[in-house]
Protein backbone atom coordinates (compact mmCIF):
# COMPACT_ATOMS: atom_id res chain seq x y z
CA MET A 1 86.25 45.93 20.61
CA ARG A 2 89.61 44.66 21.92
CA TYR A 3 92.96 45.16 20.25
CA ARG A 4 95.62 42.50 19.87
CA ALA A 5 99.34 42.93 20.07
CA SER A 6 101.41 41.80 17.13
CA VAL A 7 101.74 38.09 16.50
CA ILE A 8 105.34 37.01 16.97
CA ALA A 9 106.69 33.53 16.26
CA LEU A 10 107.18 31.53 19.48
CA ALA A 11 105.56 34.33 21.50
CA PRO A 12 102.07 34.27 23.02
CA LEU A 13 99.29 36.34 21.53
CA LEU A 14 98.37 39.12 23.92
CA VAL A 15 95.14 41.03 24.14
CA VAL A 16 95.63 44.78 24.23
CA GLY A 17 92.67 46.65 25.63
CA CYS A 18 91.50 50.11 24.77
CA SER A 19 87.72 49.83 24.86
CA LEU A 20 86.47 51.28 28.10
CA ARG A 21 83.78 53.53 26.72
CA GLY A 22 80.93 54.42 29.03
CA ILE A 23 82.85 53.72 32.25
CA THR A 24 82.55 56.43 34.87
CA ALA A 25 85.17 57.57 37.33
CA SER A 26 83.22 55.80 40.09
CA ASP A 27 83.79 52.39 38.50
CA LEU A 28 86.87 51.79 40.62
CA SER A 29 86.29 48.04 40.72
CA LEU A 30 87.20 47.80 37.03
CA ASP A 31 90.83 46.86 36.54
CA ILE A 32 92.23 49.09 33.81
CA TYR A 33 95.79 48.09 34.54
CA PRO A 34 97.81 45.01 33.48
CA SER A 35 97.48 42.10 35.90
CA ALA A 36 100.53 40.91 37.82
CA ASP A 37 100.60 37.63 35.90
CA ILE A 38 100.42 39.09 32.40
CA LYS A 39 103.05 37.84 29.96
CA VAL A 40 104.45 40.60 27.77
CA ASN A 41 106.10 39.62 24.51
CA PHE A 42 109.90 40.00 24.69
CA GLN A 43 109.86 41.42 28.22
CA GLN A 44 113.07 40.31 29.98
CA ASP A 45 113.32 39.13 33.58
CA TRP A 46 115.01 42.34 34.73
CA GLN A 47 112.18 44.40 33.28
CA VAL A 48 109.29 42.55 34.95
CA ASN A 49 109.60 43.97 38.48
CA LEU A 50 110.30 47.47 37.21
CA TYR A 51 107.14 47.23 35.11
CA HIS A 52 104.78 45.95 37.78
CA ASN A 53 106.17 48.13 40.56
CA ARG A 54 105.49 51.16 38.41
CA ILE A 55 102.01 49.90 37.49
CA ALA A 56 101.28 49.71 41.22
CA VAL A 57 102.23 53.39 41.50
CA PHE A 58 99.90 54.22 38.61
CA LYS A 59 97.00 52.48 40.35
CA GLU A 60 97.49 54.72 43.38
CA ALA A 61 97.49 57.86 41.22
CA PRO A 62 95.29 57.36 38.12
CA VAL A 63 95.70 59.66 35.13
CA GLY A 64 92.49 61.59 35.76
CA LEU A 65 90.59 63.90 33.42
CA ASP A 66 91.81 66.72 31.18
CA LYS A 67 95.43 65.62 31.37
CA ILE A 68 98.40 65.44 29.02
CA VAL A 69 100.21 62.11 29.30
CA PHE A 70 103.89 61.37 28.67
CA LEU A 71 104.10 57.70 27.72
CA GLY A 72 107.38 55.82 27.44
CA ASP A 73 110.36 54.21 29.15
CA SER A 74 113.14 55.41 31.49
CA LEU A 75 113.74 58.52 29.42
CA THR A 76 110.18 59.62 30.16
CA GLN A 77 110.19 58.40 33.75
CA GLY A 78 113.54 60.08 34.37
CA ALA A 79 112.03 63.51 33.78
CA SER A 80 110.25 63.03 37.10
CA SER A 81 107.79 65.94 37.26
CA TRP A 82 106.91 67.11 33.77
CA ASN A 83 104.69 69.69 35.46
CA ASP A 84 107.72 71.33 37.05
CA ARG A 85 109.54 71.38 33.73
CA PHE A 86 106.66 73.13 31.95
CA GLY A 87 105.20 75.15 34.82
CA LEU A 88 101.86 73.35 34.46
CA GLN A 89 99.61 71.19 36.64
CA ASN A 90 97.96 68.69 34.31
CA LEU A 91 100.90 66.69 32.96
CA VAL A 92 101.14 63.01 33.91
CA ASN A 93 104.28 60.86 33.76
CA ARG A 94 103.59 57.36 32.48
CA GLY A 95 107.17 56.32 31.85
CA ILE A 96 108.42 52.92 33.00
CA ALA A 97 112.15 52.18 33.13
CA GLY A 98 112.99 49.31 30.81
CA ASP A 99 109.63 49.35 29.04
CA ILE A 100 109.23 48.16 25.48
CA THR A 101 106.60 48.72 22.80
CA GLU A 102 104.73 45.54 23.77
CA GLY A 103 104.68 46.72 27.38
CA VAL A 104 103.04 49.98 26.35
CA LEU A 105 100.51 48.16 24.19
CA VAL A 106 99.22 46.15 27.14
CA ARG A 107 98.80 49.18 29.41
CA LEU A 108 96.74 51.44 27.18
CA ASP A 109 93.41 50.77 28.95
CA GLU A 110 94.12 53.48 31.51
CA ILE A 111 95.01 55.98 28.80
CA ALA A 112 91.90 55.26 26.74
CA HIS A 113 89.68 55.34 29.82
CA TYR A 114 90.63 58.88 30.85
CA GLU A 115 90.66 60.29 27.29
CA PRO A 116 93.57 62.72 27.82
CA LEU A 117 93.94 65.94 25.89
CA ALA A 118 97.18 64.67 24.38
CA VAL A 119 99.66 61.81 24.64
CA PHE A 120 103.38 62.19 23.92
CA VAL A 121 104.94 58.82 23.06
CA LEU A 122 108.66 58.03 23.12
CA ILE A 123 109.35 54.29 23.12
CA GLY A 124 111.41 51.70 21.28
CA ILE A 125 115.06 51.84 22.38
CA ASN A 126 114.67 48.97 24.85
CA ASP A 127 113.16 46.78 22.13
CA ILE A 128 116.42 46.83 20.18
CA PHE A 129 119.10 47.64 22.78
CA ASP A 130 119.93 44.13 23.98
CA SER A 131 121.10 41.65 21.38
CA HIS A 132 120.95 38.36 23.28
CA ILE A 133 117.25 37.93 24.11
CA GLU A 134 115.25 35.01 22.77
CA GLY A 135 113.62 35.83 19.45
CA ARG A 136 115.76 38.95 18.96
CA ASP A 137 115.86 38.28 15.21
CA LYS A 138 112.11 38.95 15.11
CA ILE A 139 112.57 42.45 16.58
CA THR A 140 113.25 44.31 13.36
CA PRO A 141 112.96 48.07 12.77
CA GLN A 142 109.70 47.39 10.93
CA TYR A 143 108.35 45.43 13.90
CA VAL A 144 109.21 48.22 16.36
CA ALA A 145 107.83 50.94 14.10
CA ASN A 146 104.62 48.95 13.56
CA ASN A 147 104.13 48.64 17.31
CA ILE A 148 104.64 52.38 17.81
CA LEU A 149 102.12 53.11 15.06
CA ARG A 150 99.75 50.62 16.66
CA ILE A 151 100.02 52.46 19.98
CA ALA A 152 98.97 55.68 18.26
CA SER A 153 96.16 53.99 16.36
CA CYS A 154 94.80 52.29 19.46
CA ILE A 155 94.69 55.51 21.46
CA GLN A 156 93.08 57.42 18.61
CA SER A 157 90.46 54.78 17.90
CA GLU A 158 89.25 54.69 21.51
CA SER A 159 89.76 58.35 22.41
CA LYS A 160 89.10 60.32 19.27
CA SER A 161 89.56 63.72 20.89
CA THR A 162 93.06 62.85 22.13
CA LYS A 163 95.94 64.36 20.17
CA VAL A 164 98.75 61.81 19.78
CA PHE A 165 102.37 62.86 19.27
CA ILE A 166 104.95 60.27 18.24
CA GLN A 167 108.50 61.33 19.05
CA THR A 168 111.40 59.81 17.13
CA ILE A 169 113.78 57.55 19.05
CA LEU A 170 116.91 59.31 20.30
CA PRO A 171 120.41 58.26 19.21
CA VAL A 172 122.81 56.54 21.61
CA ASP A 173 126.49 57.11 22.29
CA LEU A 174 128.11 53.68 22.14
CA VAL A 175 131.51 54.98 23.26
CA ARG A 176 130.24 56.85 26.32
CA TYR A 177 127.95 54.00 27.40
CA LYS A 178 130.84 51.52 27.34
CA GLU A 179 133.01 53.94 29.33
CA VAL A 180 130.33 54.19 32.03
CA LYS A 181 128.95 50.64 32.03
CA GLY A 182 132.01 48.73 30.91
CA VAL A 183 130.19 46.89 28.13
CA PHE A 184 127.95 47.55 25.15
CA PRO A 185 125.82 44.92 23.36
CA VAL A 186 127.19 43.68 20.06
CA HIS A 187 124.72 44.11 17.20
CA VAL A 188 124.85 42.69 13.69
CA VAL A 189 123.38 45.99 12.51
CA ASP A 190 124.69 49.11 14.25
CA LEU A 191 122.24 50.26 16.93
CA ASN A 192 122.10 53.84 15.66
CA ASP A 193 121.40 52.52 12.16
CA GLN A 194 118.48 50.52 13.57
CA ILE A 195 117.20 53.65 15.32
CA SER A 196 117.42 55.62 12.08
CA GLN A 197 115.52 52.90 10.22
CA ILE A 198 112.70 52.94 12.78
CA ASN A 199 112.51 56.72 12.67
CA SER A 200 112.45 56.69 8.86
CA ILE A 201 109.54 54.21 8.82
CA LEU A 202 107.64 56.33 11.35
CA THR A 203 108.23 59.49 9.34
CA THR A 204 107.08 57.93 6.07
CA SER A 205 104.07 56.23 7.63
CA LEU A 206 102.81 59.26 9.52
CA LYS A 207 103.07 61.44 6.43
CA ALA A 208 100.57 59.12 4.79
CA GLN A 209 98.04 59.09 7.64
CA SER A 210 96.57 61.36 10.28
CA THR A 211 96.79 58.97 13.24
CA ALA A 212 99.44 61.02 15.00
CA THR A 213 101.76 64.00 14.71
CA LEU A 214 105.46 63.25 14.37
CA ILE A 215 107.97 65.20 16.44
CA ASP A 216 111.55 64.61 15.28
CA LEU A 217 113.49 64.71 18.55
CA HIS A 218 116.36 62.71 17.06
CA LYS A 219 117.70 65.60 15.01
CA SER A 220 118.07 67.77 18.11
CA PHE A 221 120.13 65.16 19.98
CA VAL A 222 122.41 63.68 17.31
CA ASP A 223 125.99 64.93 16.90
CA ASP A 224 128.36 64.85 13.94
CA ARG A 225 129.33 61.26 14.80
CA GLY A 226 125.73 60.15 14.39
CA MET A 227 125.53 59.52 18.14
CA LEU A 228 123.87 61.11 21.15
CA ASP A 229 125.47 64.48 21.91
CA VAL A 230 127.75 64.00 24.93
CA SER A 231 126.56 67.29 26.45
CA LEU A 232 122.98 66.03 26.60
CA SER A 233 123.49 62.64 28.23
CA SER A 234 124.68 61.17 31.52
CA ASP A 235 125.79 57.78 30.19
CA GLY A 236 125.32 57.72 26.43
CA VAL A 237 121.68 56.60 26.63
CA HIS A 238 119.92 58.48 29.43
CA LEU A 239 119.56 62.23 29.49
CA SER A 240 121.23 64.89 31.59
CA GLU A 241 119.35 67.98 32.76
CA ALA A 242 120.63 69.73 29.63
CA GLY A 243 119.09 66.93 27.57
CA TYR A 244 115.73 67.31 29.24
CA SER A 245 115.83 71.05 28.61
CA VAL A 246 116.31 70.39 24.89
CA TRP A 247 113.42 67.92 24.93
CA VAL A 248 111.12 70.40 26.68
CA GLU A 249 111.90 73.17 24.21
CA ASN A 250 111.25 70.82 21.28
CA ILE A 251 107.71 70.07 22.44
CA ARG A 252 106.70 73.15 24.43
CA SER A 253 104.53 74.60 21.66
CA HIS A 254 102.70 71.27 21.21
CA VAL A 255 102.03 70.98 24.95
CA ASN A 256 100.72 74.54 25.15
CA GLU A 257 98.53 74.11 22.07
CA SER A 258 97.07 70.90 23.49
CA ASN A 259 96.09 72.72 26.66
CA GLN A 260 94.60 75.63 24.72
CA LEU A 261 92.25 73.26 22.89
CA ASN A 262 90.66 72.54 26.27
CA ASP A 263 90.04 76.23 27.13
């Protein structure tokens, strides 16, 4: 069975694959990675090279067996070695700078194929960050939340032993980002309000189903302004070392428990 990404007006229908059952590690001829010519819904020009360059890295170092995968965008990629942060050897970084929910949906074949012990998902900020892209009005909090839930469902349906953790999207500091970058996108609806809406939908939805476990990272990063705590970020969006330390402590017990299930 093949999974399809969400149907968006004026956007092509993409096939999202997760069904690689029965394939052995020796089947190296099978391409379980997105092709170079794949068209990802709402992927911007600046994101394309980042995406495919990172996919090329993944091909050279496949996930492998009995691993815990961190799946996401630049926040995940920016952690570099998750193994070093946890003092472990079986953690795999599958973050891609600039990635969006649709980008994750079309690269799940590798994840499903290796049936990891657990997958920690943090994705969605790049879907809503820019305000000028074509079809931006279609990228609602409900749309983003649905895609995140679909990621969890797809992994679970094809790798039933994999524990899936959905992490809430972190807040952003609009003031700090503009200080560093000189500009901040103008949104009809405040970006942090959009983030809160997505997180609320995820929380409500995951309470009603057992597809994934919710980890509320947002509450550990938000300050009294409703923005990303300045002490935890380098530019108002990306994390400092202090920010990564907070992230690690928020999920350490889940990582350890996931590994213990394999003992």
